[in-house]
Amino acid sequence: MPPKSRIALLLLALLAVVVPSGRGQSRPKIVDCLVASVNGQIITLTDLKIIDEFIFRPSSGVALDPGQVLEKVIEMKIIVASAKTEATVTAEEIEHAQQTIFLALGEERVKQRMIFYGLTAKDLETYLREKLLYEKIIASRSNQRVNVTLREIEAYYSEKYLGEQQAKGLPPQPLIEILPTIEARLRQEKLRRQLEEWVAGLKKQAVIRLYQDCLRYFERGGLCPN
């Protein structure tokens, strides 16, 4: 949803909008409300529906529950805002992401849903750009170099690896043979913890507001397409 529409929505505090058709009949009721704000950035119920339907599901193939969608969108906005100019998204990457949506949902279905939401190609590009920036920033943080000491490897070998092999009924490999595997595993665990701590720190610094009235509707209605 464009910034102007979001500001108008906030000022008017609309809870439900029904757009009549030209023949005196009503089009499907579009219910919208403010779910949250992150450092002043508004997140509406429609934002969540659009992001879930066009961004998350086509790329992962997994349907998230409403709470997971909200949490992920909040995290995405916080991380993208923190990056400033660290990452960029090319037109080719946007086009590829659009093609992924068309392949996953079908081009005609995408067009119908975009019309339903009043979503322009530029609006969709904005949502995609934010998601791609988020993924690039996370990938960059996940590829940072971390040190793993020999002492850490030896401790893992004696305290965890040997027990795992015994539980499986398998003979343990000598430390010298399994060392690269243990080192890689420890490096991944360190990177994961560092990433979690970094994200937690950003969330702690952020100003996050949740709007309970909309959240109650959100939890009742979920994110099923209208």
C-alpha atoms as a PDB file:
ATOM      1  CA  MET A   1       0.000   0.000   0.000  1.00  0.00           C
ATOM      2  CA  PRO A   2       1.475   3.382  -1.017  1.00  0.00           C
ATOM      3  CA  PRO A   3       2.545   5.753   1.799  1.00  0.00           C
ATOM      4  CA  LYS A   4      -0.229   8.273   1.042  1.00  0.00           C
ATOM      5  CA  SER A   5      -2.871   5.559   1.350  1.00  0.00           C
ATOM      6  CA  ARG A   6      -1.385   4.447   4.645  1.00  0.00           C
ATOM      7  CA  ILE A   7      -1.409   7.979   6.053  1.00  0.00           C
ATOM      8  CA  ALA A   8      -4.999   8.476   4.953  1.00  0.00           C
ATOM      9  CA  LEU A   9      -5.932   5.189   6.553  1.00  0.00           C
ATOM     10  CA  LEU A  10      -4.316   6.210   9.808  1.00  0.00           C
ATOM     11  CA  LEU A  11      -5.985   9.626   9.910  1.00  0.00           C
ATOM     12  CA  LEU A  12      -9.430   8.312   9.086  1.00  0.00           C
ATOM     13  CA  ALA A  13      -9.036   5.249  11.324  1.00  0.00           C
ATOM     14  CA  LEU A  14     -11.092   3.195   8.913  1.00  0.00           C
ATOM     15  CA  LEU A  15     -12.138  -0.187  10.159  1.00  0.00           C
ATOM     16  CA  ALA A  16     -14.152  -1.317   7.139  1.00  0.00           C
ATOM     17  CA  VAL A  17     -14.638  -0.014   3.622  1.00  0.00           C
ATOM     18  CA  VAL A  18     -17.258  -1.245   1.180  1.00  0.00           C
ATOM     19  CA  VAL A  19     -16.763  -0.161  -2.424  1.00  0.00           C
ATOM     20  CA  PRO A  20     -20.032  -0.261  -4.417  1.00  0.00           C
ATOM     21  CA  SER A  21     -20.091  -1.558  -7.984  1.00  0.00           C
ATOM     22  CA  GLY A  22     -21.460   0.391 -10.938  1.00  0.00           C
ATOM     23  CA  ARG A  23     -24.674  -1.664 -10.940  1.00  0.00           C
ATOM     24  CA  GLY A  24     -25.694  -0.859  -7.403  1.00  0.00           C
ATOM     25  CA  GLN A  25     -24.328  -4.129  -6.039  1.00  0.00           C
ATOM     26  CA  SER A  26     -21.502  -4.320  -3.546  1.00  0.00           C
ATOM     27  CA  ARG A  27     -18.112  -5.682  -4.375  1.00  0.00           C
ATOM     28  CA  PRO A  28     -16.584  -7.944  -1.684  1.00  0.00           C
ATOM     29  CA  LYS A  29     -16.131  -6.079   1.570  1.00  0.00           C
ATOM     30  CA  ILE A  30     -12.514  -5.099   2.131  1.00  0.00           C
ATOM     31  CA  VAL A  31     -11.922  -4.904   5.857  1.00  0.00           C
ATOM     32  CA  ASP A  32      -8.792  -3.027   6.848  1.00  0.00           C
ATOM     33  CA  CYS A  33      -7.307  -1.711  10.055  1.00  0.00           C
ATOM     34  CA  LEU A  34      -3.972  -0.852  11.609  1.00  0.00           C
ATOM     35  CA  VAL A  35      -2.240  -3.944  12.942  1.00  0.00           C
ATOM     36  CA  ALA A  36       1.077  -2.418  14.000  1.00  0.00           C
ATOM     37  CA  SER A  37       3.603   0.334  13.465  1.00  0.00           C
ATOM     38  CA  VAL A  38       7.384  -0.064  13.447  1.00  0.00           C
ATOM     39  CA  ASN A  39       9.405   3.098  14.025  1.00  0.00           C
ATOM     40  CA  GLY A  40       6.499   5.042  12.539  1.00  0.00           C
ATOM     41  CA  GLN A  41       5.984   2.705   9.569  1.00  0.00           C
ATOM     42  CA  ILE A  42       2.370   1.563   9.450  1.00  0.00           C
ATOM     43  CA  ILE A  43       1.431  -2.092   8.893  1.00  0.00           C
ATOM     44  CA  THR A  44      -2.203  -2.664   7.948  1.00  0.00           C
ATOM     45  CA  LEU A  45      -4.217  -5.859   7.772  1.00  0.00           C
ATOM     46  CA  THR A  46      -4.224  -5.491   3.991  1.00  0.00           C
ATOM     47  CA  ASP A  47      -0.429  -5.227   4.013  1.00  0.00           C
ATOM     48  CA  LEU A  48      -0.246  -8.542   5.838  1.00  0.00           C
ATOM     49  CA  LYS A  49      -2.677 -10.223   3.458  1.00  0.00           C
ATOM     50  CA  ILE A  50      -0.778  -8.974   0.407  1.00  0.00           C
ATOM     51  CA  ILE A  51       2.631  -9.935   1.788  1.00  0.00           C
ATOM     52  CA  ASP A  52       1.409 -13.372   2.836  1.00  0.00           C
ATOM     53  CA  GLU A  53      -0.361 -14.088  -0.451  1.00  0.00           C
ATOM     54  CA  PHE A  54       2.123 -12.589  -2.922  1.00  0.00           C
ATOM     55  CA  ILE A  55       5.458 -12.633  -1.098  1.00  0.00           C
ATOM     56  CA  PHE A  56       5.745 -15.357   1.537  1.00  0.00           C
ATOM     57  CA  ARG A  57       3.661 -18.236   0.149  1.00  0.00           C
ATOM     58  CA  PRO A  58       4.982 -18.261  -3.457  1.00  0.00           C
ATOM     59  CA  SER A  59       8.613 -18.334  -2.284  1.00  0.00           C
ATOM     60  CA  SER A  60       8.279 -20.827   0.581  1.00  0.00           C
ATOM     61  CA  GLY A  61       5.186 -22.836  -0.313  1.00  0.00           C
ATOM     62  CA  VAL A  62       4.319 -22.807   3.389  1.00  0.00           C
ATOM     63  CA  ALA A  63       1.233 -21.152   4.867  1.00  0.00           C
ATOM     64  CA  LEU A  64       2.137 -19.206   8.006  1.00  0.00           C
ATOM     65  CA  ASP A  65      -0.374 -18.451  10.729  1.00  0.00           C
ATOM     66  CA  PRO A  66      -1.315 -14.765  11.194  1.00  0.00           C
ATOM     67  CA  GLY A  67       0.971 -14.292  14.183  1.00  0.00           C
ATOM     68  CA  GLN A  68       3.970 -15.634  12.266  1.00  0.00           C
ATOM     69  CA  VAL A  69       3.231 -13.358   9.320  1.00  0.00           C
ATOM     70  CA  LEU A  70       3.028 -10.291  11.569  1.00  0.00           C
ATOM     71  CA  GLU A  71       6.235 -11.208  13.411  1.00  0.00           C
ATOM     72  CA  LYS A  72       8.102 -11.773  10.142  1.00  0.00           C
ATOM     73  CA  VAL A  73       6.877  -8.502   8.611  1.00  0.00           C
ATOM     74  CA  ILE A  74       7.934  -6.560  11.717  1.00  0.00           C
ATOM     75  CA  GLU A  75      11.366  -8.205  11.623  1.00  0.00           C
ATOM     76  CA  MET A  76      11.694  -7.512   7.900  1.00  0.00           C
ATOM     77  CA  LYS A  77      10.953  -3.803   8.315  1.00  0.00           C
ATOM     78  CA  ILE A  78      13.349  -3.422  11.241  1.00  0.00           C
ATOM     79  CA  ILE A  79      16.217  -5.132   9.417  1.00  0.00           C
ATOM     80  CA  VAL A  80      15.702  -3.295   6.119  1.00  0.00           C
ATOM     81  CA  ALA A  81      15.570   0.046   7.955  1.00  0.00           C
ATOM     82  CA  SER A  82      18.811  -0.766   9.784  1.00  0.00           C
ATOM     83  CA  ALA A  83      20.721  -1.518   6.575  1.00  0.00           C
ATOM     84  CA  LYS A  84      20.355   1.943   5.012  1.00  0.00           C
ATOM     85  CA  THR A  85      22.518   1.685   1.843  1.00  0.00           C
ATOM     86  CA  GLU A  86      24.261  -1.635   2.490  1.00  0.00           C
ATOM     87  CA  ALA A  87      22.276  -3.597  -0.094  1.00  0.00           C
ATOM     88  CA  THR A  88      20.515  -2.862  -3.379  1.00  0.00           C
ATOM     89  CA  VAL A  89      17.999  -4.705  -5.531  1.00  0.00           C
ATOM     90  CA  THR A  90      18.243  -4.735  -9.326  1.00  0.00           C
ATOM     91  CA  ALA A  91      15.403  -4.561 -11.834  1.00  0.00           C
ATOM     92  CA  GLU A  92      16.335  -8.071 -12.956  1.00  0.00           C
ATOM     93  CA  GLU A  93      15.924  -9.397  -9.413  1.00  0.00           C
ATOM     94  CA  ILE A  94      12.512  -7.740  -9.137  1.00  0.00           C
ATOM     95  CA  GLU A  95      11.450  -9.253 -12.458  1.00  0.00           C
ATOM     96  CA  HIS A  96      12.640 -12.702 -11.392  1.00  0.00           C
ATOM     97  CA  ALA A  97      10.667 -12.418  -8.146  1.00  0.00           C
ATOM     98  CA  GLN A  98       7.564 -11.397 -10.108  1.00  0.00           C
ATOM     99  CA  GLN A  99       7.955 -14.416 -12.381  1.00  0.00           C
ATOM    100  CA  THR A 100       8.183 -16.637  -9.304  1.00  0.00           C
ATOM    101  CA  ILE A 101       4.808 -15.307  -8.177  1.00  0.00           C
ATOM    102  CA  PHE A 102       3.251 -15.840 -11.621  1.00  0.00           C
ATOM    103  CA  LEU A 103       4.558 -19.411 -11.775  1.00  0.00           C
ATOM    104  CA  ALA A 104       3.406 -20.229  -8.251  1.00  0.00           C
ATOM    105  CA  LEU A 105      -0.064 -18.664  -8.408  1.00  0.00           C
ATOM    106  CA  GLY A 106      -0.802 -18.371 -12.114  1.00  0.00           C
ATOM    107  CA  GLU A 107      -0.722 -15.083 -14.000  1.00  0.00           C
ATOM    108  CA  GLU A 108      -4.507 -14.757 -14.234  1.00  0.00           C
ATOM    109  CA  ARG A 109      -4.936 -15.424 -10.518  1.00  0.00           C
ATOM    110  CA  VAL A 110      -2.294 -12.813  -9.704  1.00  0.00           C
ATOM    111  CA  LYS A 111      -4.056 -10.224 -11.863  1.00  0.00           C
ATOM    112  CA  GLN A 112      -7.430 -10.970 -10.236  1.00  0.00           C
ATOM    113  CA  ARG A 113      -6.032 -10.663  -6.726  1.00  0.00           C
ATOM    114  CA  MET A 114      -4.169  -7.466  -7.577  1.00  0.00           C
ATOM    115  CA  ILE A 115      -7.429  -5.960  -8.829  1.00  0.00           C
ATOM    116  CA  PHE A 116      -9.184  -7.097  -5.654  1.00  0.00           C
ATOM    117  CA  TYR A 117      -6.625  -5.368  -3.444  1.00  0.00           C
ATOM    118  CA  GLY A 118      -6.320  -2.318  -5.716  1.00  0.00           C
ATOM    119  CA  LEU A 119      -2.654  -3.229  -6.063  1.00  0.00           C
ATOM    120  CA  THR A 120      -0.626  -1.712  -8.909  1.00  0.00           C
ATOM    121  CA  ALA A 121       2.513  -3.225 -10.427  1.00  0.00           C
ATOM    122  CA  LYS A 122       4.509  -0.475  -8.695  1.00  0.00           C
ATOM    123  CA  ASP A 123       2.935  -1.352  -5.341  1.00  0.00           C
ATOM    124  CA  LEU A 124       3.843  -5.020  -5.792  1.00  0.00           C
ATOM    125  CA  GLU A 125       7.381  -4.028  -6.743  1.00  0.00           C
ATOM    126  CA  THR A 126       7.680  -2.085  -3.471  1.00  0.00           C
ATOM    127  CA  TYR A 127       6.682  -5.138  -1.436  1.00  0.00           C
ATOM    128  CA  LEU A 128       9.082  -7.349  -3.411  1.00  0.00           C
ATOM    129  CA  ARG A 129      11.958  -4.901  -3.067  1.00  0.00           C
ATOM    130  CA  GLU A 130      11.619  -4.858   0.718  1.00  0.00           C
ATOM    131  CA  LYS A 131      11.575  -8.656   0.895  1.00  0.00           C
ATOM    132  CA  LEU A 132      14.597  -9.007  -1.411  1.00  0.00           C
ATOM    133  CA  LEU A 133      16.541  -6.425   0.599  1.00  0.00           C
ATOM    134  CA  TYR A 134      15.725  -8.333   3.775  1.00  0.00           C
ATOM    135  CA  GLU A 135      16.978 -11.597   2.267  1.00  0.00           C
ATOM    136  CA  LYS A 136      20.202  -9.982   1.045  1.00  0.00           C
ATOM    137  CA  ILE A 137      20.946  -8.453   4.427  1.00  0.00           C
ATOM    138  CA  ILE A 138      20.309 -11.756   6.215  1.00  0.00           C
ATOM    139  CA  ALA A 139      22.490 -13.618   3.691  1.00  0.00           C
ATOM    140  CA  SER A 140      25.281 -11.096   4.169  1.00  0.00           C
ATOM    141  CA  ARG A 141      25.150 -11.453   7.953  1.00  0.00           C
ATOM    142  CA  SER A 142      25.070 -15.242   7.623  1.00  0.00           C
ATOM    143  CA  ASN A 143      28.250 -15.257   5.526  1.00  0.00           C
ATOM    144  CA  GLN A 144      30.367 -13.335   8.001  1.00  0.00           C
ATOM    145  CA  ARG A 145      33.561 -14.992   9.149  1.00  0.00           C
ATOM    146  CA  VAL A 146      33.612 -16.470  12.649  1.00  0.00           C
ATOM    147  CA  ASN A 147      36.479 -18.200  14.408  1.00  0.00           C
ATOM    148  CA  VAL A 148      36.214 -21.709  15.820  1.00  0.00           C
ATOM    149  CA  THR A 149      39.041 -22.789  18.114  1.00  0.00           C
ATOM    150  CA  LEU A 150      40.563 -26.248  18.405  1.00  0.00           C
ATOM    151  CA  ARG A 151      39.477 -26.305  22.048  1.00  0.00           C
ATOM    152  CA  GLU A 152      35.846 -25.765  20.996  1.00  0.00           C
ATOM    153  CA  ILE A 153      36.133 -28.571  18.452  1.00  0.00           C
ATOM    154  CA  GLU A 154      37.655 -30.949  21.007  1.00  0.00           C
ATOM    155  CA  ALA A 155      34.950 -30.078  23.539  1.00  0.00           C
ATOM    156  CA  TYR A 156      32.191 -30.717  20.995  1.00  0.00           C
ATOM    157  CA  TYR A 157      33.808 -34.017  20.001  1.00  0.00           C
ATOM    158  CA  SER A 158      34.029 -35.350  23.558  1.00  0.00           C
ATOM    159  CA  GLU A 159      30.856 -33.821  25.005  1.00  0.00           C
ATOM    160  CA  LYS A 160      28.435 -34.232  22.117  1.00  0.00           C
ATOM    161  CA  TYR A 161      29.717 -36.152  19.101  1.00  0.00           C
ATOM    162  CA  LEU A 162      30.800 -39.281  20.992  1.00  0.00           C
ATOM    163  CA  GLY A 163      27.441 -39.456  22.767  1.00  0.00           C
ATOM    164  CA  GLU A 164      25.544 -39.028  19.488  1.00  0.00           C
ATOM    165  CA  GLN A 165      27.448 -41.869  17.848  1.00  0.00           C
ATOM    166  CA  GLN A 166      26.905 -44.128  20.841  1.00  0.00           C
ATOM    167  CA  ALA A 167      23.156 -43.402  20.790  1.00  0.00           C
ATOM    168  CA  LYS A 168      23.085 -44.396  17.109  1.00  0.00           C
ATOM    169  CA  GLY A 169      25.048 -47.562  17.781  1.00  0.00           C
ATOM    170  CA  LEU A 170      27.848 -46.397  15.484  1.00  0.00           C
ATOM    171  CA  PRO A 171      31.591 -46.318  16.107  1.00  0.00           C
ATOM    172  CA  PRO A 172      32.994 -42.774  16.404  1.00  0.00           C
ATOM    173  CA  GLN A 173      35.401 -41.473  13.790  1.00  0.00           C
ATOM    174  CA  PRO A 174      38.797 -40.233  14.957  1.00  0.00           C
ATOM    175  CA  LEU A 175      38.833 -36.513  15.760  1.00  0.00           C
ATOM    176  CA  ILE A 176      41.259 -35.757  12.941  1.00  0.00           C
ATOM    177  CA  GLU A 177      38.812 -37.212  10.391  1.00  0.00           C
ATOM    178  CA  ILE A 178      35.647 -35.594  11.703  1.00  0.00           C
ATOM    179  CA  LEU A 179      37.293 -32.257  12.563  1.00  0.00           C
ATOM    180  CA  PRO A 180      36.218 -30.364   9.368  1.00  0.00           C
ATOM    181  CA  THR A 181      32.602 -31.465   9.845  1.00  0.00           C
ATOM    182  CA  ILE A 182      32.544 -30.392  13.493  1.00  0.00           C
ATOM    183  CA  GLU A 183      34.218 -27.083  12.647  1.00  0.00           C
ATOM    184  CA  ALA A 184      31.591 -26.331   9.975  1.00  0.00           C
ATOM    185  CA  ARG A 185      28.771 -27.245  12.351  1.00  0.00           C
ATOM    186  CA  LEU A 186      30.136 -25.041  15.130  1.00  0.00           C
ATOM    187  CA  ARG A 187      30.625 -22.164  12.694  1.00  0.00           C
ATOM    188  CA  GLN A 188      26.992 -22.408  11.561  1.00  0.00           C
ATOM    189  CA  GLU A 189      25.767 -22.495  15.159  1.00  0.00           C
ATOM    190  CA  LYS A 190      27.824 -19.409  16.022  1.00  0.00           C
ATOM    191  CA  LEU A 191      26.524 -17.545  12.979  1.00  0.00           C
ATOM    192  CA  ARG A 192      22.947 -18.471  13.846  1.00  0.00           C
ATOM    193  CA  ARG A 193      23.355 -17.244  17.427  1.00  0.00           C
ATOM    194  CA  GLN A 194      25.019 -14.026  16.281  1.00  0.00           C
ATOM    195  CA  LEU A 195      22.191 -13.394  13.816  1.00  0.00           C
ATOM    196  CA  GLU A 196      19.545 -14.049  16.468  1.00  0.00           C
ATOM    197  CA  GLU A 197      21.295 -11.715  18.915  1.00  0.00           C
ATOM    198  CA  TRP A 198      21.639  -9.012  16.249  1.00  0.00           C
ATOM    199  CA  VAL A 199      17.950  -9.216  15.322  1.00  0.00           C
ATOM    200  CA  ALA A 200      16.936  -9.247  18.998  1.00  0.00           C
ATOM    201  CA  GLY A 201      19.047  -6.127  19.574  1.00  0.00           C
ATOM    202  CA  LEU A 202      17.401  -4.304  16.669  1.00  0.00           C
ATOM    203  CA  LYS A 203      13.944  -5.238  17.942  1.00  0.00           C
ATOM    204  CA  LYS A 204      14.830  -3.993  21.411  1.00  0.00           C
ATOM    205  CA  GLN A 205      15.826  -0.604  19.993  1.00  0.00           C
ATOM    206  CA  ALA A 206      12.790  -0.327  17.714  1.00  0.00           C
ATOM    207  CA  VAL A 207       9.535   1.399  18.629  1.00  0.00           C
ATOM    208  CA  ILE A 208       6.888  -1.251  17.952  1.00  0.00           C
ATOM    209  CA  ARG A 209       3.205  -0.590  18.584  1.00  0.00           C
ATOM    210  CA  LEU A 210       0.482  -3.221  18.242  1.00  0.00           C
ATOM    211  CA  TYR A 211      -3.158  -2.184  17.818  1.00  0.00           C
ATOM    212  CA  GLN A 212      -5.304  -4.539  19.851  1.00  0.00           C
ATOM    213  CA  ASP A 213      -8.650  -3.941  18.091  1.00  0.00           C
ATOM    214  CA  CYS A 214      -7.183  -4.890  14.745  1.00  0.00           C
ATOM    215  CA  LEU A 215      -5.186  -7.740  16.269  1.00  0.00           C
ATOM    216  CA  ARG A 216      -8.399  -9.272  17.609  1.00  0.00           C
ATOM    217  CA  TYR A 217      -9.982  -9.106  14.179  1.00  0.00           C
ATOM    218  CA  PHE A 218      -6.728 -10.359  12.689  1.00  0.00           C
ATOM    219  CA  GLU A 219      -6.702 -13.417  14.954  1.00  0.00           C
ATOM    220  CA  ARG A 220     -10.364 -14.203  14.232  1.00  0.00           C
ATOM    221  CA  GLY A 221     -10.265 -13.653  10.500  1.00  0.00           C
ATOM    222  CA  GLY A 222      -6.779 -14.925   9.754  1.00  0.00           C
ATOM    223  CA  LEU A 223      -5.241 -14.291   6.369  1.00  0.00           C
ATOM    224  CA  CYS A 224      -7.462 -16.371   4.124  1.00  0.00           C
ATOM    225  CA  PRO A 225      -8.076 -14.722   0.727  1.00  0.00           C
ATOM    226  CA  ASN A 226     -11.408 -12.924   0.573  1.00  0.00           C
END
